[in-house]
Amino acid sequence: MQLVVARIGRAHGIKGEVTVEVRTDEPELRLGPGAVLATDPATVGPLTIETGRVHSGRLLLRFAGVKDRTAAEALRNTLLIAEVDPEDTPEDPEEFYDHQLMDLDVVLADGTEIGRITEITHLPSQDLFIVKRPDGSEVMIPFVEEIVAEIDLEEQRAVITPPPGLIDESEAEVVSSRDDGQKDDQA
């Protein structure tokens, strides 16, 4: 199975290094020297990682055969793809690969069906589940501990405890103004 593990950013310096946007919880395993990665677009790769280092909080990689800034800049926005055994799971039981989460049923703690995960979007601050509702609409669920209470791979479901308004706008808290200018929260 193929997993996107990073996206190449801009060139860094003049010796062929590039910044990368890491999309794996295991960069030391997937993005270490010697790793051979497929690419999207496929015509760019495969790429073999020659060196890697962290500079100012960003991972910098240099690939075999990429010796200057011009060659590095030509790789910009290329996705790096690792081949992963579908039976592999992350070491941390609280971490999951995207393929494990795809198509999970999303339910509330009381069992109410919300929908099914159809996509996972990786943002800098958090990941989002894109959930298709039974009526065909979509809702975005932040994949954070406060909202996603449980991932049960055996039952193929994600149990969520959403704040008011996340799933149904009619559940949003109403804030009314009082005469004294202060506001009251009303449920």
N, C-alpha and C. Protein backbone atom coordinates (compact mmCIF):
# COMPACT_ATOMS: atom_id res chain seq x y z
N MET A 1 0.84 -1.17 0.00
CA MET A 1 0.00 0.00 0.00
C MET A 1 0.90 1.24 0.00
N GLN A 2 0.48 2.25 -0.73
CA GLN A 2 1.27 3.47 -0.82
C GLN A 2 0.67 4.57 0.06
N LEU A 3 1.54 5.24 0.82
CA LEU A 3 1.12 6.33 1.68
C LEU A 3 1.93 7.58 1.37
N VAL A 4 1.26 8.73 1.28
CA VAL A 4 1.96 10.00 1.11
C VAL A 4 2.60 10.33 2.45
N VAL A 5 3.93 10.52 2.45
CA VAL A 5 4.64 10.80 3.70
C VAL A 5 5.18 12.22 3.78
N ALA A 6 5.21 12.94 2.65
CA ALA A 6 5.70 14.32 2.67
C ALA A 6 5.39 15.00 1.34
N ARG A 7 5.48 16.33 1.38
CA ARG A 7 5.39 17.15 0.17
C ARG A 7 6.62 18.02 0.14
N ILE A 8 7.29 18.06 -0.99
CA ILE A 8 8.50 18.86 -1.13
C ILE A 8 8.13 20.33 -1.25
N GLY A 9 8.82 21.15 -0.47
CA GLY A 9 8.62 22.60 -0.50
C GLY A 9 9.70 23.27 -1.33
N ARG A 10 10.10 24.44 -0.91
CA ARG A 10 11.06 25.23 -1.69
C ARG A 10 12.48 24.73 -1.48
N ALA A 11 13.34 25.12 -2.39
CA ALA A 11 14.76 24.81 -2.28
C ALA A 11 15.35 25.58 -1.09
N HIS A 12 16.39 25.00 -0.48
CA HIS A 12 17.07 25.63 0.65
C HIS A 12 18.56 25.65 0.34
N GLY A 13 19.11 26.83 0.22
CA GLY A 13 20.53 26.93 -0.08
C GLY A 13 20.82 26.65 -1.54
N ILE A 14 22.10 26.39 -1.83
CA ILE A 14 22.52 26.22 -3.23
C ILE A 14 23.01 24.80 -3.54
N LYS A 15 22.95 23.90 -2.55
CA LYS A 15 23.52 22.56 -2.74
C LYS A 15 22.48 21.46 -2.91
N GLY A 16 21.24 21.83 -3.25
CA GLY A 16 20.24 20.82 -3.59
C GLY A 16 19.32 20.39 -2.47
N GLU A 17 19.38 21.04 -1.32
CA GLU A 17 18.46 20.68 -0.24
C GLU A 17 17.08 21.28 -0.51
N VAL A 18 16.06 20.60 0.02
CA VAL A 18 14.68 21.10 -0.07
C VAL A 18 14.04 21.02 1.31
N THR A 19 13.08 21.92 1.55
CA THR A 19 12.25 21.79 2.75
C THR A 19 11.16 20.78 2.43
N VAL A 20 10.66 20.12 3.45
CA VAL A 20 9.55 19.19 3.24
C VAL A 20 8.47 19.41 4.28
N GLU A 21 7.25 19.28 3.84
CA GLU A 21 6.08 19.29 4.71
C GLU A 21 5.83 17.83 5.08
N VAL A 22 6.15 17.46 6.30
CA VAL A 22 6.04 16.07 6.74
C VAL A 22 4.58 15.69 6.92
N ARG A 23 4.20 14.54 6.39
CA ARG A 23 2.83 14.03 6.50
C ARG A 23 2.81 12.63 7.09
N THR A 24 3.77 12.35 7.95
CA THR A 24 3.83 11.06 8.62
C THR A 24 4.20 11.30 10.07
N ASP A 25 3.71 10.45 10.95
CA ASP A 25 4.09 10.54 12.36
C ASP A 25 5.40 9.82 12.61
N GLU A 26 5.96 9.19 11.57
CA GLU A 26 7.20 8.44 11.71
C GLU A 26 8.25 8.91 10.70
N PRO A 27 8.62 10.21 10.75
CA PRO A 27 9.57 10.71 9.75
C PRO A 27 10.93 10.03 9.82
N GLU A 28 11.36 9.66 11.02
CA GLU A 28 12.66 9.00 11.15
C GLU A 28 12.68 7.65 10.45
N LEU A 29 11.53 7.00 10.36
CA LEU A 29 11.42 5.71 9.69
C LEU A 29 11.23 5.88 8.18
N ARG A 30 10.35 6.78 7.78
CA ARG A 30 9.97 6.92 6.37
C ARG A 30 10.87 7.86 5.57
N LEU A 31 11.52 8.82 6.26
CA LEU A 31 12.27 9.86 5.55
C LEU A 31 13.75 9.88 5.93
N GLY A 32 14.27 8.73 6.29
CA GLY A 32 15.68 8.63 6.67
C GLY A 32 16.59 8.43 5.46
N PRO A 33 17.89 8.72 5.63
CA PRO A 33 18.85 8.49 4.54
C PRO A 33 18.77 7.06 4.01
N GLY A 34 18.77 6.95 2.69
CA GLY A 34 18.69 5.65 2.04
C GLY A 34 17.28 5.26 1.62
N ALA A 35 16.27 5.93 2.18
CA ALA A 35 14.88 5.61 1.82
C ALA A 35 14.65 5.95 0.34
N VAL A 36 14.00 5.04 -0.36
CA VAL A 36 13.65 5.25 -1.76
C VAL A 36 12.14 5.46 -1.81
N LEU A 37 11.73 6.63 -2.34
CA LEU A 37 10.32 7.00 -2.33
C LEU A 37 9.79 7.21 -3.74
N ALA A 38 8.59 6.72 -3.96
CA ALA A 38 7.89 7.01 -5.21
C ALA A 38 7.43 8.46 -5.14
N THR A 39 7.01 9.00 -6.26
CA THR A 39 6.61 10.40 -6.30
C THR A 39 5.30 10.59 -7.06
N ASP A 40 4.67 11.71 -6.80
CA ASP A 40 3.52 12.16 -7.57
C ASP A 40 3.80 13.62 -7.89
N PRO A 41 4.12 13.93 -9.15
CA PRO A 41 4.01 13.10 -10.35
C PRO A 41 5.10 12.02 -10.42
N ALA A 42 4.72 10.88 -10.97
CA ALA A 42 5.60 9.72 -11.04
C ALA A 42 6.85 9.97 -11.88
N THR A 43 6.77 10.88 -12.84
CA THR A 43 7.90 11.14 -13.73
C THR A 43 9.10 11.74 -13.00
N VAL A 44 8.91 12.30 -11.83
CA VAL A 44 9.99 12.92 -11.06
C VAL A 44 10.83 11.87 -10.33
N GLY A 45 10.25 10.75 -9.99
CA GLY A 45 10.92 9.77 -9.14
C GLY A 45 11.23 8.48 -9.84
N PRO A 46 11.63 7.51 -9.05
CA PRO A 46 11.73 7.53 -7.59
C PRO A 46 12.91 8.38 -7.12
N LEU A 47 12.80 8.86 -5.87
CA LEU A 47 13.86 9.66 -5.27
C LEU A 47 14.46 8.92 -4.08
N THR A 48 15.79 8.94 -3.99
CA THR A 48 16.50 8.32 -2.87
C THR A 48 17.01 9.42 -1.95
N ILE A 49 16.67 9.36 -0.68
CA ILE A 49 17.12 10.37 0.27
C ILE A 49 18.60 10.14 0.57
N GLU A 50 19.38 11.17 0.35
CA GLU A 50 20.82 11.13 0.60
C GLU A 50 21.15 11.61 2.01
N THR A 51 20.57 12.76 2.39
CA THR A 51 20.78 13.30 3.74
C THR A 51 19.51 13.96 4.22
N GLY A 52 19.42 14.10 5.52
CA GLY A 52 18.30 14.81 6.13
C GLY A 52 18.77 15.49 7.41
N ARG A 53 18.20 16.66 7.69
CA ARG A 53 18.53 17.37 8.91
C ARG A 53 17.39 18.33 9.23
N VAL A 54 17.33 18.74 10.48
CA VAL A 54 16.34 19.72 10.90
C VAL A 54 17.04 21.07 11.02
N HIS A 55 16.43 22.08 10.43
CA HIS A 55 16.96 23.45 10.48
C HIS A 55 15.81 24.40 10.78
N SER A 56 15.90 25.12 11.89
CA SER A 56 14.86 26.07 12.30
C SER A 56 13.47 25.42 12.33
N GLY A 57 13.41 24.20 12.84
CA GLY A 57 12.14 23.50 12.99
C GLY A 57 11.59 22.87 11.72
N ARG A 58 12.32 22.95 10.61
CA ARG A 58 11.87 22.34 9.35
C ARG A 58 12.81 21.23 8.96
N LEU A 59 12.24 20.16 8.39
CA LEU A 59 13.06 19.07 7.89
C LEU A 59 13.59 19.44 6.51
N LEU A 60 14.90 19.30 6.34
CA LEU A 60 15.54 19.52 5.05
C LEU A 60 16.06 18.19 4.55
N LEU A 61 15.81 17.89 3.28
CA LEU A 61 16.29 16.66 2.66
C LEU A 61 17.11 16.99 1.43
N ARG A 62 18.07 16.11 1.14
CA ARG A 62 18.81 16.18 -0.12
C ARG A 62 18.66 14.80 -0.75
N PHE A 63 18.37 14.80 -2.05
CA PHE A 63 18.16 13.55 -2.78
C PHE A 63 19.35 13.24 -3.67
N ALA A 64 19.61 11.95 -3.86
CA ALA A 64 20.69 11.52 -4.76
C ALA A 64 20.44 12.11 -6.14
N GLY A 65 21.47 12.69 -6.72
CA GLY A 65 21.39 13.24 -8.07
C GLY A 65 20.89 14.68 -8.13
N VAL A 66 20.45 15.22 -7.01
CA VAL A 66 19.98 16.61 -6.97
C VAL A 66 21.10 17.42 -6.32
N LYS A 67 21.87 18.12 -7.14
CA LYS A 67 23.11 18.74 -6.65
C LYS A 67 23.09 20.25 -6.55
N ASP A 68 22.03 20.90 -7.08
CA ASP A 68 22.03 22.37 -7.02
C ASP A 68 20.62 22.90 -6.78
N ARG A 69 20.55 24.20 -6.55
CA ARG A 69 19.27 24.85 -6.24
C ARG A 69 18.25 24.69 -7.37
N THR A 70 18.69 24.79 -8.61
CA THR A 70 17.78 24.68 -9.75
C THR A 70 17.11 23.31 -9.78
N ALA A 71 17.89 22.26 -9.60
CA ALA A 71 17.34 20.90 -9.59
C ALA A 71 16.41 20.70 -8.39
N ALA A 72 16.77 21.28 -7.24
CA ALA A 72 15.94 21.18 -6.04
C ALA A 72 14.60 21.90 -6.25
N GLU A 73 14.67 23.10 -6.84
CA GLU A 73 13.44 23.88 -7.05
C GLU A 73 12.50 23.17 -8.03
N ALA A 74 13.04 22.38 -8.95
CA ALA A 74 12.22 21.64 -9.91
C ALA A 74 11.37 20.57 -9.22
N LEU A 75 11.73 20.19 -7.99
CA LEU A 75 10.99 19.17 -7.25
C LEU A 75 9.83 19.74 -6.44
N ARG A 76 9.72 21.06 -6.38
CA ARG A 76 8.73 21.73 -5.53
C ARG A 76 7.32 21.18 -5.78
N ASN A 77 6.60 20.95 -4.69
CA ASN A 77 5.22 20.44 -4.67
C ASN A 77 5.08 18.97 -5.05
N THR A 78 6.19 18.28 -5.20
CA THR A 78 6.14 16.84 -5.47
C THR A 78 5.76 16.11 -4.18
N LEU A 79 4.85 15.15 -4.28
CA LEU A 79 4.48 14.31 -3.13
C LEU A 79 5.44 13.13 -3.04
N LEU A 80 5.88 12.81 -1.84
CA LEU A 80 6.76 11.66 -1.60
C LEU A 80 5.90 10.53 -1.05
N ILE A 81 6.03 9.36 -1.65
CA ILE A 81 5.15 8.23 -1.35
C ILE A 81 5.97 7.03 -0.92
N ALA A 82 5.63 6.47 0.25
CA ALA A 82 6.32 5.29 0.77
C ALA A 82 5.45 4.05 0.57
N GLU A 83 6.09 2.94 0.30
CA GLU A 83 5.39 1.66 0.21
C GLU A 83 5.32 1.09 1.63
N VAL A 84 4.10 0.79 2.09
CA VAL A 84 3.89 0.33 3.45
C VAL A 84 3.06 -0.95 3.42
N ASP A 85 3.44 -1.91 4.24
CA ASP A 85 2.67 -3.14 4.37
C ASP A 85 1.31 -2.78 4.99
N PRO A 86 0.19 -3.15 4.35
CA PRO A 86 -1.13 -2.78 4.88
C PRO A 86 -1.38 -3.33 6.29
N GLU A 87 -0.66 -4.35 6.68
CA GLU A 87 -0.84 -4.93 8.01
C GLU A 87 -0.05 -4.17 9.08
N ASP A 88 0.89 -3.32 8.66
CA ASP A 88 1.66 -2.52 9.62
C ASP A 88 0.75 -1.53 10.32
N THR A 89 1.02 -1.31 11.59
CA THR A 89 0.31 -0.29 12.36
C THR A 89 1.35 0.54 13.10
N PRO A 90 1.04 1.80 13.38
CA PRO A 90 1.98 2.62 14.15
C PRO A 90 2.23 2.01 15.52
N GLU A 91 3.41 2.30 16.08
CA GLU A 91 3.75 1.77 17.40
C GLU A 91 2.84 2.31 18.49
N ASP A 92 2.49 3.59 18.41
CA ASP A 92 1.62 4.22 19.39
C ASP A 92 0.18 3.80 19.11
N PRO A 93 -0.52 3.22 20.09
CA PRO A 93 -1.91 2.78 19.85
C PRO A 93 -2.88 3.94 19.59
N GLU A 94 -2.46 5.18 19.86
CA GLU A 94 -3.30 6.34 19.62
C GLU A 94 -3.05 6.97 18.25
N GLU A 95 -2.20 6.35 17.42
CA GLU A 95 -1.91 6.84 16.08
C GLU A 95 -2.48 5.87 15.05
N PHE A 96 -2.84 6.42 13.89
CA PHE A 96 -3.46 5.61 12.85
C PHE A 96 -2.95 6.06 11.49
N TYR A 97 -2.87 5.13 10.57
CA TYR A 97 -2.59 5.46 9.19
C TYR A 97 -3.91 5.85 8.53
N ASP A 98 -3.84 6.71 7.52
CA ASP A 98 -5.05 7.15 6.83
C ASP A 98 -5.89 5.99 6.34
N HIS A 99 -5.23 4.97 5.77
CA HIS A 99 -6.01 3.85 5.21
C HIS A 99 -6.80 3.11 6.28
N GLN A 100 -6.37 3.18 7.55
CA GLN A 100 -7.11 2.54 8.62
C GLN A 100 -8.39 3.31 8.97
N LEU A 101 -8.36 4.62 8.73
CA LEU A 101 -9.48 5.47 9.11
C LEU A 101 -10.51 5.67 8.00
N MET A 102 -10.07 5.45 6.76
CA MET A 102 -10.99 5.64 5.63
C MET A 102 -12.17 4.67 5.74
N ASP A 103 -13.34 5.18 5.44
CA ASP A 103 -14.60 4.41 5.42
C ASP A 103 -15.09 3.99 6.80
N LEU A 104 -14.50 4.51 7.89
CA LEU A 104 -15.06 4.22 9.21
C LEU A 104 -16.40 4.93 9.34
N ASP A 105 -17.34 4.27 10.02
CA ASP A 105 -18.61 4.92 10.35
C ASP A 105 -18.34 5.89 11.48
N VAL A 106 -18.94 7.07 11.40
CA VAL A 106 -18.81 8.08 12.45
C VAL A 106 -20.13 8.14 13.19
N VAL A 107 -20.06 7.94 14.51
CA VAL A 107 -21.25 7.92 15.34
C VAL A 107 -21.04 8.77 16.59
N LEU A 108 -22.15 9.23 17.16
CA LEU A 108 -22.10 9.91 18.45
C LEU A 108 -21.98 8.86 19.55
N ALA A 109 -21.68 9.27 20.76
CA ALA A 109 -21.52 8.34 21.88
C ALA A 109 -22.78 7.51 22.11
N ASP A 110 -23.96 8.08 21.79
CA ASP A 110 -25.21 7.33 21.98
C ASP A 110 -25.53 6.41 20.81
N GLY A 111 -24.64 6.35 19.80
CA GLY A 111 -24.83 5.47 18.66
C GLY A 111 -25.47 6.13 17.45
N THR A 112 -25.88 7.39 17.57
CA THR A 112 -26.49 8.09 16.44
C THR A 112 -25.51 8.17 15.29
N GLU A 113 -25.96 7.73 14.11
CA GLU A 113 -25.09 7.73 12.93
C GLU A 113 -24.92 9.15 12.39
N ILE A 114 -23.66 9.54 12.15
CA ILE A 114 -23.35 10.84 11.56
C ILE A 114 -23.01 10.68 10.08
N GLY A 115 -22.23 9.65 9.76
CA GLY A 115 -21.84 9.43 8.37
C GLY A 115 -20.64 8.53 8.29
N ARG A 116 -19.89 8.67 7.19
CA ARG A 116 -18.72 7.82 6.93
C ARG A 116 -17.55 8.69 6.50
N ILE A 117 -16.35 8.37 6.99
CA ILE A 117 -15.15 9.11 6.62
C ILE A 117 -14.81 8.79 5.17
N THR A 118 -14.76 9.85 4.34
CA THR A 118 -14.46 9.66 2.93
C THR A 118 -13.11 10.25 2.55
N GLU A 119 -12.57 11.11 3.42
CA GLU A 119 -11.29 11.76 3.13
C GLU A 119 -10.68 12.25 4.43
N ILE A 120 -9.36 12.32 4.45
CA ILE A 120 -8.65 12.89 5.60
C ILE A 120 -7.76 14.00 5.05
N THR A 121 -7.94 15.19 5.59
CA THR A 121 -7.18 16.35 5.16
C THR A 121 -6.16 16.68 6.23
N HIS A 122 -4.91 16.82 5.83
CA HIS A 122 -3.83 17.13 6.77
C HIS A 122 -3.51 18.61 6.71
N LEU A 123 -3.81 19.31 7.78
CA LEU A 123 -3.53 20.73 7.89
C LEU A 123 -2.37 20.92 8.85
N PRO A 124 -1.71 22.08 8.83
CA PRO A 124 -0.58 22.28 9.74
C PRO A 124 -0.95 22.14 11.22
N SER A 125 -2.14 22.59 11.61
CA SER A 125 -2.49 22.57 13.03
C SER A 125 -3.19 21.29 13.47
N GLN A 126 -3.89 20.63 12.56
CA GLN A 126 -4.62 19.41 12.90
C GLN A 126 -5.07 18.71 11.63
N ASP A 127 -5.52 17.49 11.79
CA ASP A 127 -6.09 16.74 10.67
C ASP A 127 -7.60 16.87 10.74
N LEU A 128 -8.25 16.75 9.60
CA LEU A 128 -9.71 16.81 9.52
C LEU A 128 -10.25 15.55 8.87
N PHE A 129 -11.32 15.01 9.43
CA PHE A 129 -12.08 13.96 8.76
C PHE A 129 -13.12 14.66 7.89
N ILE A 130 -13.21 14.28 6.63
CA ILE A 130 -14.31 14.72 5.78
C ILE A 130 -15.31 13.58 5.84
N VAL A 131 -16.49 13.87 6.38
CA VAL A 131 -17.50 12.84 6.64
C VAL A 131 -18.70 13.09 5.74
N LYS A 132 -19.05 12.06 4.97
CA LYS A 132 -20.24 12.14 4.11
C LYS A 132 -21.45 11.70 4.93
N ARG A 133 -22.43 12.58 5.02
CA ARG A 133 -23.65 12.32 5.78
C ARG A 133 -24.58 11.44 4.95
N PRO A 134 -25.54 10.78 5.58
CA PRO A 134 -26.49 9.95 4.83
C PRO A 134 -27.28 10.73 3.78
N ASP A 135 -27.47 12.05 4.00
CA ASP A 135 -28.21 12.86 3.03
C ASP A 135 -27.32 13.36 1.88
N GLY A 136 -26.04 12.95 1.89
CA GLY A 136 -25.12 13.33 0.82
C GLY A 136 -24.30 14.56 1.12
N SER A 137 -24.65 15.31 2.16
CA SER A 137 -23.86 16.48 2.53
C SER A 137 -22.57 16.03 3.23
N GLU A 138 -21.64 16.95 3.37
CA GLU A 138 -20.37 16.64 4.03
C GLU A 138 -20.19 17.53 5.24
N VAL A 139 -19.51 17.01 6.24
CA VAL A 139 -19.16 17.77 7.43
C VAL A 139 -17.69 17.50 7.74
N MET A 140 -17.00 18.53 8.22
CA MET A 140 -15.59 18.37 8.59
C MET A 140 -15.49 18.21 10.10
N ILE A 141 -14.80 17.16 10.52
CA ILE A 141 -14.63 16.87 11.94
C ILE A 141 -13.14 16.97 12.27
N PRO A 142 -12.74 17.90 13.14
CA PRO A 142 -11.33 17.96 13.53
C PRO A 142 -10.94 16.66 14.25
N PHE A 143 -9.81 16.08 13.83
CA PHE A 143 -9.33 14.84 14.44
C PHE A 143 -8.48 15.22 15.65
N VAL A 144 -9.18 15.63 16.71
CA VAL A 144 -8.54 16.01 17.96
C VAL A 144 -9.18 15.23 19.10
N GLU A 145 -8.43 15.01 20.13
CA GLU A 145 -8.85 14.20 21.27
C GLU A 145 -10.15 14.69 21.90
N GLU A 146 -10.36 16.00 21.93
CA GLU A 146 -11.56 16.56 22.55
C GLU A 146 -12.83 16.22 21.79
N ILE A 147 -12.71 15.90 20.50
CA ILE A 147 -13.89 15.62 19.68
C ILE A 147 -13.98 14.14 19.30
N VAL A 148 -12.87 13.55 18.89
CA VAL A 148 -12.87 12.13 18.50
C VAL A 148 -12.53 11.33 19.76
N ALA A 149 -13.56 10.80 20.39
CA ALA A 149 -13.40 10.12 21.67
C ALA A 149 -12.79 8.73 21.53
N GLU A 150 -13.09 8.06 20.41
CA GLU A 150 -12.63 6.67 20.27
C GLU A 150 -12.55 6.29 18.80
N ILE A 151 -11.50 5.56 18.46
CA ILE A 151 -11.39 4.92 17.15
C ILE A 151 -11.41 3.42 17.43
N ASP A 152 -12.42 2.74 16.93
CA ASP A 152 -12.57 1.31 17.14
C ASP A 152 -12.44 0.63 15.78
N LEU A 153 -11.22 0.14 15.49
CA LEU A 153 -10.97 -0.48 14.18
C LEU A 153 -11.71 -1.80 14.02
N GLU A 154 -11.88 -2.53 15.11
CA GLU A 154 -12.61 -3.81 15.01
C GLU A 154 -14.07 -3.58 14.63
N GLU A 155 -14.69 -2.57 15.23
CA GLU A 155 -16.09 -2.26 14.92
C GLU A 155 -16.21 -1.34 13.71
N GLN A 156 -15.05 -0.87 13.18
CA GLN A 156 -15.03 0.03 12.02
C GLN A 156 -15.84 1.30 12.27
N ARG A 157 -15.54 1.96 13.43
CA ARG A 157 -16.27 3.18 13.73
C ARG A 157 -15.40 4.17 14.50
N ALA A 158 -15.76 5.43 14.35
CA ALA A 158 -15.16 6.52 15.12
C ALA A 158 -16.28 7.14 15.95
N VAL A 159 -16.08 7.18 17.26
CA VAL A 159 -17.07 7.76 18.16
C VAL A 159 -16.66 9.20 18.45
N ILE A 160 -17.59 10.12 18.23
CA ILE A 160 -17.27 11.53 18.43
C ILE A 160 -18.18 12.16 19.48
N THR A 161 -17.65 13.21 20.11
CA THR A 161 -18.41 14.03 21.05
C THR A 161 -18.26 15.48 20.59
N PRO A 162 -19.02 15.86 19.56
CA PRO A 162 -18.84 17.19 18.96
C PRO A 162 -19.40 18.31 19.83
N PRO A 163 -18.80 19.48 19.74
CA PRO A 163 -19.38 20.62 20.43
C PRO A 163 -20.65 21.05 19.70
N PRO A 164 -21.52 21.79 20.38
CA PRO A 164 -22.75 22.24 19.71
C PRO A 164 -22.43 23.02 18.45
N GLY A 165 -23.17 22.72 17.38
CA GLY A 165 -23.02 23.43 16.12
C GLY A 165 -22.08 22.80 15.13
N LEU A 166 -21.23 21.86 15.56
CA LEU A 166 -20.28 21.25 14.63
C LEU A 166 -20.99 20.36 13.61
N ILE A 167 -21.91 19.56 14.07
CA ILE A 167 -22.63 18.63 13.20
C ILE A 167 -23.91 19.25 12.66
N ASP A 168 -24.65 19.91 13.51
CA ASP A 168 -25.94 20.48 13.13
C ASP A 168 -25.98 21.94 13.57
N GLU A 169 -26.06 22.84 12.61
CA GLU A 169 -26.04 24.26 12.92
C GLU A 169 -27.17 24.67 13.85
N SER A 170 -28.28 23.94 13.85
CA SER A 170 -29.40 24.29 14.72
C SER A 170 -29.06 24.03 16.19
N GLU A 171 -27.97 23.27 16.44
CA GLU A 171 -27.56 23.00 17.82
C GLU A 171 -26.63 24.07 18.36
N ALA A 172 -26.25 25.02 17.53
CA ALA A 172 -25.29 26.05 17.95
C ALA A 172 -25.85 26.83 19.12
N GLU A 173 -24.94 27.22 20.02
CA GLU A 173 -25.36 28.00 21.18
C GLU A 173 -25.85 29.37 20.72
N VAL A 174 -26.92 29.81 21.33
CA VAL A 174 -27.48 31.11 21.01
C VAL A 174 -26.97 32.09 22.05
N VAL A 175 -26.45 33.21 21.59
CA VAL A 175 -25.97 34.25 22.49
C VAL A 175 -26.91 35.43 22.35
N SER A 176 -27.54 35.81 23.47
CA SER A 176 -28.46 36.94 23.41
C SER A 176 -27.87 38.12 24.15
N SER A 177 -28.23 39.31 23.72
CA SER A 177 -27.75 40.53 24.37
C SER A 177 -28.76 40.95 25.42
N ARG A 178 -28.23 41.34 26.58
CA ARG A 178 -29.09 41.89 27.63
C ARG A 178 -29.02 43.41 27.53
N ASP A 179 -29.91 44.08 28.23
CA ASP A 179 -29.95 45.54 28.20
C ASP A 179 -28.66 46.17 28.70
N ASP A 180 -27.95 45.47 29.62
CA ASP A 180 -26.74 46.07 30.20
C ASP A 180 -25.51 45.84 29.33
N GLY A 181 -25.70 45.28 28.15
CA GLY A 181 -24.58 45.10 27.21
C GLY A 181 -23.82 43.81 27.42
N GLN A 182 -24.09 43.07 28.51
CA GLN A 182 -23.42 41.79 28.73
C GLN A 182 -24.17 40.72 27.95
N LYS A 183 -23.51 39.63 27.74
CA LYS A 183 -24.13 38.55 26.96
C LYS A 183 -24.34 37.33 27.83
N ASP A 184 -25.40 36.62 27.57
CA ASP A 184 -25.69 35.37 28.25
C ASP A 184 -25.56 34.23 27.26
N ASP A 185 -25.01 33.11 27.70
CA ASP A 185 -25.02 31.89 26.89
C ASP A 185 -26.31 31.15 27.21
N GLN A 186 -27.02 30.78 26.18
CA GLN A 186 -28.25 30.02 26.38
C GLN A 186 -28.17 28.76 25.57
N ALA A 187 -28.67 27.67 26.11
CA ALA A 187 -28.66 26.40 25.40
C ALA A 187 -29.95 26.18 24.69
